[in-house]
Structure formats: structure tokens, C-alpha cells
Amino acid sequence: MGLFKIIASEKWQEAVAQGCFKGAAIDLADGYIHLSTESQVEETARLHFAGQSGLLLVAFSDTQFGQDLKWEASRGAALFPHVHGTIDPGTALWAKPLPWNGHSHDFPPGWRQ
């Protein structure tokens, strides 16, 4: 199953350069890295990133995180994937631009896995 992170491009580039993603500000505050499933990520973009440009959609495999991946209740009691630890950016399947079109984010062609 594919898991996704929406992140500011510059923040992801910093993580790539450092070889370690510790999380965005909200992740650091909450103590884990927020991810979304394929069925959750568009709503995540709408609720938490509306109007923001300069974003990337980064894809991961759910099998790569081992015991660091926890499924925890969040929005509407739905279970969301959270990584309790750091992420090696080199393990990302891909990172693609997630541009804002003035009304919503345009998800990249072929992003659904």
C-alpha cells in the first residue's frame, strides 16, 4: 500500500541533503510523522494545505517502516499512518510537485498506485 506525505519542497530538499527527515513543524510538535493513505491524502491536502504552493507529494511503501509505523485514530476516528521515528529520504518511491491551481491542488498524473 502506498503512503503519502505532503511537504514543503524546501523542507524535503533539506532532508535529502541531510539524509534524514525528522518531520515538519506539526510532526515535531506531535512527536511522530503524519502520513496519509491514498484514500486520505486528497482530504489532507484540502484541510491542511489549502492555498499553499511549493509543495511536494512524496510516496512511500507501507512495508518500509516496520515497527515505526503505527495506525492511530485521527480525523473522524479514521486510522492514519504515523511514523514514530525518522524517515530516510532515499527510501521514498518518488517525490512530485503538488501545485496549487487557485482552487485546489493538482495531484500528479499516475500518483495513485
N, C-alpha and C. Protein backbone atom coordinates (compact mmCIF):
# COMPACT_ATOMS: atom_id res chain seq x y z
N MET A 1 0.84 -1.18 0.00
CA MET A 1 0.00 0.00 0.00
C MET A 1 0.89 1.24 0.00
N GLY A 2 0.49 2.22 -0.77
CA GLY A 2 1.22 3.47 -0.81
C GLY A 2 0.81 4.40 0.32
N LEU A 3 1.79 5.06 0.89
CA LEU A 3 1.57 6.09 1.90
C LEU A 3 2.17 7.38 1.39
N PHE A 4 1.59 8.51 1.81
CA PHE A 4 1.98 9.79 1.23
C PHE A 4 2.23 10.84 2.30
N LYS A 5 3.18 11.73 1.98
CA LYS A 5 3.49 12.88 2.82
C LYS A 5 3.42 14.11 1.93
N ILE A 6 2.69 15.11 2.37
CA ILE A 6 2.69 16.41 1.71
C ILE A 6 3.66 17.28 2.49
N ILE A 7 4.61 17.86 1.80
CA ILE A 7 5.68 18.58 2.48
C ILE A 7 6.16 19.75 1.60
N ALA A 8 6.58 20.82 2.24
CA ALA A 8 7.17 21.94 1.51
C ALA A 8 8.43 21.45 0.80
N SER A 9 8.55 21.84 -0.44
CA SER A 9 9.68 21.39 -1.26
C SER A 9 11.02 21.67 -0.60
N GLU A 10 11.19 22.86 -0.05
CA GLU A 10 12.49 23.21 0.56
C GLU A 10 12.78 22.34 1.79
N LYS A 11 11.75 22.00 2.54
CA LYS A 11 11.92 21.14 3.72
C LYS A 11 12.37 19.74 3.29
N TRP A 12 11.77 19.23 2.21
CA TRP A 12 12.15 17.91 1.71
C TRP A 12 13.58 17.93 1.16
N GLN A 13 13.93 19.00 0.46
CA GLN A 13 15.29 19.11 -0.08
C GLN A 13 16.33 19.16 1.04
N GLU A 14 16.00 19.82 2.14
CA GLU A 14 16.89 19.82 3.31
C GLU A 14 17.07 18.40 3.85
N ALA A 15 15.97 17.67 3.93
CA ALA A 15 16.03 16.30 4.42
C ALA A 15 16.87 15.42 3.50
N VAL A 16 16.71 15.60 2.19
CA VAL A 16 17.51 14.84 1.22
C VAL A 16 18.98 15.14 1.42
N ALA A 17 19.32 16.41 1.58
CA ALA A 17 20.71 16.81 1.77
C ALA A 17 21.29 16.24 3.06
N GLN A 18 20.47 16.16 4.11
CA GLN A 18 20.91 15.66 5.41
C GLN A 18 20.81 14.14 5.51
N GLY A 19 20.06 13.52 4.59
CA GLY A 19 19.87 12.08 4.63
C GLY A 19 18.91 11.61 5.71
N CYS A 20 18.10 12.55 6.24
CA CYS A 20 17.18 12.20 7.31
C CYS A 20 16.03 13.21 7.36
N PHE A 21 14.79 12.68 7.36
CA PHE A 21 13.62 13.52 7.52
C PHE A 21 13.07 13.30 8.92
N LYS A 22 13.12 14.36 9.73
CA LYS A 22 12.65 14.28 11.12
C LYS A 22 11.20 14.75 11.25
N GLY A 23 10.69 15.39 10.18
CA GLY A 23 9.31 15.85 10.19
C GLY A 23 9.19 17.34 9.99
N ALA A 24 7.98 17.74 9.62
CA ALA A 24 7.64 19.15 9.52
C ALA A 24 7.31 19.65 10.92
N ALA A 25 7.00 20.92 11.05
CA ALA A 25 6.73 21.51 12.36
C ALA A 25 5.63 20.76 13.11
N ILE A 26 4.53 20.43 12.43
CA ILE A 26 3.43 19.72 13.09
C ILE A 26 3.87 18.33 13.55
N ASP A 27 4.70 17.68 12.75
CA ASP A 27 5.19 16.35 13.13
C ASP A 27 6.06 16.43 14.38
N LEU A 28 6.93 17.41 14.40
CA LEU A 28 7.82 17.58 15.56
C LEU A 28 7.00 17.90 16.81
N ALA A 29 5.96 18.72 16.66
CA ALA A 29 5.12 19.06 17.80
C ALA A 29 4.34 17.85 18.31
N ASP A 30 3.88 17.01 17.39
CA ASP A 30 3.07 15.85 17.77
C ASP A 30 3.90 14.63 18.17
N GLY A 31 5.17 14.62 17.80
CA GLY A 31 6.05 13.52 18.19
C GLY A 31 6.06 12.35 17.23
N TYR A 32 5.49 12.52 16.04
CA TYR A 32 5.53 11.49 15.00
C TYR A 32 5.30 12.16 13.65
N ILE A 33 5.63 11.44 12.57
CA ILE A 33 5.47 11.97 11.23
C ILE A 33 4.11 11.53 10.68
N HIS A 34 3.29 12.52 10.34
CA HIS A 34 1.96 12.28 9.78
C HIS A 34 2.08 11.84 8.32
N LEU A 35 1.45 10.73 7.99
CA LEU A 35 1.32 10.29 6.61
C LEU A 35 -0.17 10.08 6.33
N SER A 36 -0.50 9.89 5.07
CA SER A 36 -1.87 9.61 4.65
C SER A 36 -1.86 8.46 3.66
N THR A 37 -2.97 7.74 3.62
CA THR A 37 -3.15 6.70 2.61
C THR A 37 -3.64 7.36 1.32
N GLU A 38 -3.73 6.55 0.28
CA GLU A 38 -4.24 7.04 -1.00
C GLU A 38 -5.65 7.61 -0.85
N SER A 39 -6.48 6.99 -0.05
CA SER A 39 -7.85 7.46 0.11
C SER A 39 -7.96 8.67 1.04
N GLN A 40 -6.91 9.00 1.78
CA GLN A 40 -6.94 10.10 2.74
C GLN A 40 -6.22 11.36 2.27
N VAL A 41 -5.27 11.23 1.36
CA VAL A 41 -4.34 12.32 1.09
C VAL A 41 -4.99 13.54 0.41
N GLU A 42 -5.99 13.33 -0.42
CA GLU A 42 -6.62 14.49 -1.05
C GLU A 42 -7.36 15.34 -0.02
N GLU A 43 -8.00 14.71 0.94
CA GLU A 43 -8.67 15.43 2.02
C GLU A 43 -7.64 16.11 2.92
N THR A 44 -6.52 15.46 3.15
CA THR A 44 -5.44 16.08 3.92
C THR A 44 -4.97 17.35 3.24
N ALA A 45 -4.80 17.29 1.93
CA ALA A 45 -4.38 18.48 1.18
C ALA A 45 -5.41 19.59 1.31
N ARG A 46 -6.68 19.24 1.18
CA ARG A 46 -7.75 20.23 1.27
C ARG A 46 -7.84 20.87 2.65
N LEU A 47 -7.75 20.06 3.68
CA LEU A 47 -7.92 20.56 5.05
C LEU A 47 -6.70 21.29 5.60
N HIS A 48 -5.52 20.82 5.26
CA HIS A 48 -4.31 21.33 5.93
C HIS A 48 -3.36 22.11 5.05
N PHE A 49 -3.56 22.08 3.73
CA PHE A 49 -2.60 22.74 2.84
C PHE A 49 -3.26 23.66 1.81
N ALA A 50 -4.55 23.95 1.96
CA ALA A 50 -5.26 24.81 1.01
C ALA A 50 -4.54 26.15 0.84
N GLY A 51 -4.36 26.54 -0.40
CA GLY A 51 -3.72 27.81 -0.72
C GLY A 51 -2.21 27.80 -0.71
N GLN A 52 -1.62 26.71 -0.28
CA GLN A 52 -0.16 26.64 -0.19
C GLN A 52 0.45 26.16 -1.50
N SER A 53 1.49 26.83 -1.92
CA SER A 53 2.23 26.40 -3.11
C SER A 53 3.62 25.95 -2.67
N GLY A 54 4.39 25.45 -3.61
CA GLY A 54 5.74 24.99 -3.30
C GLY A 54 5.75 23.67 -2.54
N LEU A 55 4.72 22.85 -2.75
CA LEU A 55 4.61 21.58 -2.04
C LEU A 55 5.02 20.40 -2.92
N LEU A 56 5.39 19.33 -2.26
CA LEU A 56 5.64 18.05 -2.92
C LEU A 56 4.72 17.00 -2.33
N LEU A 57 4.38 16.03 -3.16
CA LEU A 57 3.71 14.82 -2.72
C LEU A 57 4.78 13.73 -2.77
N VAL A 58 5.08 13.16 -1.62
CA VAL A 58 6.14 12.15 -1.53
C VAL A 58 5.48 10.81 -1.21
N ALA A 59 5.85 9.78 -1.99
CA ALA A 59 5.25 8.46 -1.84
C ALA A 59 6.22 7.49 -1.18
N PHE A 60 5.65 6.63 -0.33
CA PHE A 60 6.41 5.58 0.36
C PHE A 60 5.63 4.28 0.29
N SER A 61 6.32 3.19 0.55
CA SER A 61 5.67 1.89 0.70
C SER A 61 5.38 1.68 2.18
N ASP A 62 4.20 1.13 2.48
CA ASP A 62 3.86 0.91 3.89
C ASP A 62 4.74 -0.16 4.53
N THR A 63 5.41 -0.97 3.73
CA THR A 63 6.24 -2.06 4.28
C THR A 63 7.62 -1.60 4.73
N GLN A 64 8.01 -0.40 4.40
CA GLN A 64 9.38 0.03 4.68
C GLN A 64 9.62 0.52 6.11
N PHE A 65 8.58 0.80 6.85
CA PHE A 65 8.75 1.43 8.16
C PHE A 65 8.80 0.45 9.33
N GLY A 66 8.44 -0.78 9.10
CA GLY A 66 8.49 -1.78 10.17
C GLY A 66 7.67 -1.36 11.37
N GLN A 67 8.23 -1.56 12.55
CA GLN A 67 7.51 -1.27 13.78
C GLN A 67 7.37 0.23 14.08
N ASP A 68 8.07 1.08 13.30
CA ASP A 68 7.92 2.52 13.48
C ASP A 68 6.57 3.03 12.97
N LEU A 69 5.90 2.24 12.13
CA LEU A 69 4.60 2.63 11.58
C LEU A 69 3.49 2.21 12.52
N LYS A 70 2.71 3.19 12.96
CA LYS A 70 1.56 2.94 13.84
C LYS A 70 0.31 3.49 13.15
N TRP A 71 -0.78 2.74 13.24
CA TRP A 71 -2.07 3.18 12.72
C TRP A 71 -2.87 3.72 13.89
N GLU A 72 -3.14 5.04 13.85
CA GLU A 72 -3.75 5.69 15.00
C GLU A 72 -4.96 6.52 14.57
N ALA A 73 -5.96 6.56 15.44
CA ALA A 73 -7.18 7.30 15.15
C ALA A 73 -6.89 8.79 15.03
N SER A 74 -7.50 9.40 14.03
CA SER A 74 -7.35 10.82 13.82
C SER A 74 -8.68 11.36 13.32
N ARG A 75 -8.67 12.08 12.23
CA ARG A 75 -9.84 12.73 11.65
C ARG A 75 -11.02 11.75 11.55
N GLY A 76 -12.12 12.06 12.23
CA GLY A 76 -13.30 11.23 12.17
C GLY A 76 -13.09 9.81 12.65
N ALA A 77 -12.14 9.62 13.54
CA ALA A 77 -11.78 8.31 14.09
C ALA A 77 -11.17 7.37 13.06
N ALA A 78 -10.88 7.86 11.86
CA ALA A 78 -10.20 7.04 10.85
C ALA A 78 -8.78 6.76 11.30
N LEU A 79 -8.28 5.60 10.94
CA LEU A 79 -6.90 5.25 11.27
C LEU A 79 -5.96 5.85 10.24
N PHE A 80 -4.98 6.60 10.74
CA PHE A 80 -3.98 7.23 9.88
C PHE A 80 -2.62 6.64 10.19
N PRO A 81 -1.76 6.55 9.17
CA PRO A 81 -0.41 6.05 9.38
C PRO A 81 0.50 7.14 9.95
N HIS A 82 1.17 6.81 11.03
CA HIS A 82 2.11 7.72 11.68
C HIS A 82 3.44 6.99 11.84
N VAL A 83 4.51 7.66 11.50
CA VAL A 83 5.84 7.08 11.68
C VAL A 83 6.43 7.64 12.96
N HIS A 84 6.70 6.77 13.89
CA HIS A 84 7.32 7.14 15.16
C HIS A 84 8.82 6.90 15.02
N GLY A 85 9.47 7.90 14.49
CA GLY A 85 10.91 7.83 14.20
C GLY A 85 11.20 8.79 13.06
N THR A 86 12.29 8.57 12.40
CA THR A 86 12.68 9.40 11.26
C THR A 86 12.52 8.60 9.97
N ILE A 87 12.61 9.30 8.86
CA ILE A 87 12.50 8.66 7.55
C ILE A 87 13.76 8.97 6.75
N ASP A 88 14.34 7.96 6.16
CA ASP A 88 15.44 8.15 5.22
C ASP A 88 14.83 8.60 3.89
N PRO A 89 15.11 9.83 3.43
CA PRO A 89 14.51 10.32 2.19
C PRO A 89 14.84 9.43 0.98
N GLY A 90 15.94 8.72 1.06
CA GLY A 90 16.32 7.83 -0.03
C GLY A 90 15.36 6.66 -0.20
N THR A 91 14.50 6.41 0.78
CA THR A 91 13.54 5.31 0.68
C THR A 91 12.24 5.73 0.01
N ALA A 92 12.09 7.01 -0.29
CA ALA A 92 10.88 7.48 -0.98
C ALA A 92 10.79 6.83 -2.36
N LEU A 93 9.59 6.43 -2.72
CA LEU A 93 9.38 5.87 -4.05
C LEU A 93 9.50 6.96 -5.11
N TRP A 94 9.00 8.13 -4.78
CA TRP A 94 9.11 9.30 -5.64
C TRP A 94 8.64 10.54 -4.87
N ALA A 95 9.01 11.69 -5.40
CA ALA A 95 8.55 12.99 -4.88
C ALA A 95 8.19 13.83 -6.09
N LYS A 96 6.93 14.29 -6.14
CA LYS A 96 6.44 15.04 -7.29
C LYS A 96 5.78 16.33 -6.83
N PRO A 97 5.87 17.38 -7.67
CA PRO A 97 5.23 18.65 -7.32
C PRO A 97 3.73 18.49 -7.11
N LEU A 98 3.22 19.27 -6.17
CA LEU A 98 1.79 19.30 -5.85
C LEU A 98 1.33 20.77 -5.93
N PRO A 99 1.19 21.27 -7.16
CA PRO A 99 0.89 22.70 -7.33
C PRO A 99 -0.54 23.08 -6.93
N TRP A 100 -0.67 24.31 -6.46
CA TRP A 100 -1.96 24.91 -6.13
C TRP A 100 -2.47 25.62 -7.38
N ASN A 101 -3.70 25.34 -7.79
CA ASN A 101 -4.24 25.94 -9.02
C ASN A 101 -5.18 27.12 -8.75
N GLY A 102 -5.22 27.57 -7.51
CA GLY A 102 -6.12 28.66 -7.14
C GLY A 102 -7.40 28.17 -6.48
N HIS A 103 -7.69 26.87 -6.62
CA HIS A 103 -8.89 26.29 -6.03
C HIS A 103 -8.58 25.01 -5.25
N SER A 104 -7.60 24.27 -5.73
CA SER A 104 -7.23 23.00 -5.11
C SER A 104 -5.82 22.64 -5.59
N HIS A 105 -5.31 21.55 -5.06
CA HIS A 105 -4.01 21.07 -5.51
C HIS A 105 -4.19 20.11 -6.69
N ASP A 106 -3.30 20.23 -7.66
CA ASP A 106 -3.30 19.33 -8.80
C ASP A 106 -2.37 18.16 -8.49
N PHE A 107 -2.97 17.01 -8.24
CA PHE A 107 -2.18 15.82 -7.95
C PHE A 107 -1.51 15.34 -9.24
N PRO A 108 -0.27 14.86 -9.14
CA PRO A 108 0.47 14.49 -10.35
C PRO A 108 -0.15 13.30 -11.06
N PRO A 109 -0.03 13.27 -12.38
CA PRO A 109 -0.53 12.13 -13.14
C PRO A 109 0.11 10.83 -12.63
N GLY A 110 -0.71 9.79 -12.52
CA GLY A 110 -0.20 8.49 -12.11
C GLY A 110 0.16 8.35 -10.66
N TRP A 111 -0.28 9.28 -9.81
CA TRP A 111 0.13 9.22 -8.39
C TRP A 111 -0.52 8.06 -7.65
N ARG A 112 -1.69 7.66 -8.08
CA ARG A 112 -2.34 6.51 -7.42
C ARG A 112 -1.60 5.24 -7.79
N GLN A 113 -1.35 4.41 -6.78
CA GLN A 113 -0.51 3.24 -7.02
C GLN A 113 -1.31 1.97 -7.17
